[in-house]
Amino acid sequence: MLTPPQFETLIFAYTQLILDDSTPEELHALCGDLLIREYKNYKPEEIFKEIAEVYGEAISSQFLASATAN
């Protein structure tokens, strides 16, 4: 088995390989998949708070309106 520092080294090296060997389109898709996976762990309030902090309250309100319109 790997020690925690060895595992971190493995993760870093593998990540670099992926980044160096991917097209911008592949990286865009990968990033989207990873963000979706991460945001599934959030509560809705946390996502709206983050949207408001990064993009402003108006954008957050637009997302809320869009999500609740359906």
Protein backbone atom coordinates (compact mmCIF):
# COMPACT_ATOMS: atom_id res chain seq x y z
CA MET A 1 0.00 0.00 0.00
CA LEU A 2 0.99 3.59 -0.49
CA THR A 3 1.62 5.99 2.32
CA PRO A 4 -0.48 9.17 2.32
CA PRO A 5 2.42 11.24 0.87
CA GLN A 6 3.02 8.60 -1.83
CA PHE A 7 -0.69 8.61 -2.68
CA GLU A 8 -0.62 12.41 -2.99
CA THR A 9 2.37 12.12 -5.33
CA LEU A 10 0.49 9.55 -7.42
CA ILE A 11 -2.61 11.77 -7.61
CA PHE A 12 -0.54 14.80 -8.61
CA ALA A 13 1.37 12.88 -11.31
CA TYR A 14 -1.81 11.34 -12.71
CA THR A 15 -3.56 14.71 -12.72
CA GLN A 16 -0.67 16.24 -14.62
CA LEU A 17 -0.81 13.44 -17.19
CA ILE A 18 -4.53 14.04 -17.72
CA LEU A 19 -4.04 17.80 -18.05
CA ASP A 20 -1.10 17.49 -20.42
CA ASP A 21 -2.75 14.84 -22.60
CA SER A 22 -6.24 16.39 -22.95
CA THR A 23 -7.74 18.73 -25.50
CA PRO A 24 -9.53 21.87 -24.29
CA GLU A 25 -12.85 20.20 -25.15
CA GLU A 26 -11.98 17.14 -23.08
CA LEU A 27 -10.91 19.33 -20.16
CA HIS A 28 -14.16 21.30 -20.41
CA ALA A 29 -16.19 18.07 -20.26
CA LEU A 30 -14.10 16.68 -17.41
CA CYS A 31 -14.38 19.89 -15.43
CA GLY A 32 -18.14 19.93 -15.93
CA ASP A 33 -18.45 16.34 -14.73
CA LEU A 34 -16.32 17.03 -11.65
CA LEU A 35 -18.25 20.20 -10.77
CA ILE A 36 -21.58 18.39 -11.06
CA ARG A 37 -20.29 15.57 -8.85
CA GLU A 38 -19.13 18.10 -6.25
CA TYR A 39 -22.29 20.23 -6.31
CA LYS A 40 -24.48 17.16 -5.78
CA ASN A 41 -23.05 17.17 -2.24
CA TYR A 42 -24.27 20.73 -1.60
CA LYS A 43 -27.59 21.85 -0.20
CA PRO A 44 -29.53 24.19 -2.51
CA GLU A 45 -28.95 27.12 -0.13
CA GLU A 46 -25.19 26.57 -0.34
CA ILE A 47 -25.23 26.67 -4.12
CA PHE A 48 -27.35 29.84 -4.25
CA LYS A 49 -25.06 31.45 -1.66
CA GLU A 50 -21.99 30.59 -3.75
CA ILE A 51 -23.63 31.89 -6.93
CA ALA A 52 -24.48 35.15 -5.14
CA GLU A 53 -20.94 35.52 -3.78
CA VAL A 54 -19.27 34.85 -7.13
CA TYR A 55 -21.74 36.30 -9.65
CA GLY A 56 -23.98 38.54 -7.58
CA GLU A 57 -27.41 38.39 -6.06
CA ALA A 58 -29.20 39.15 -9.35
CA ILE A 59 -27.71 36.08 -11.06
CA SER A 60 -28.48 33.93 -8.03
CA SER A 61 -32.08 35.13 -8.13
CA GLN A 62 -32.27 34.30 -11.85
CA PHE A 63 -31.07 30.76 -11.17
CA LEU A 64 -33.63 30.38 -8.37
CA ALA A 65 -36.41 31.63 -10.62
CA SER A 66 -35.32 29.31 -13.42
CA ALA A 67 -35.05 26.29 -11.10
CA THR A 68 -38.49 26.85 -9.57
CA ALA A 69 -40.27 27.68 -12.85
CA ASN A 70 -40.45 24.00 -13.85
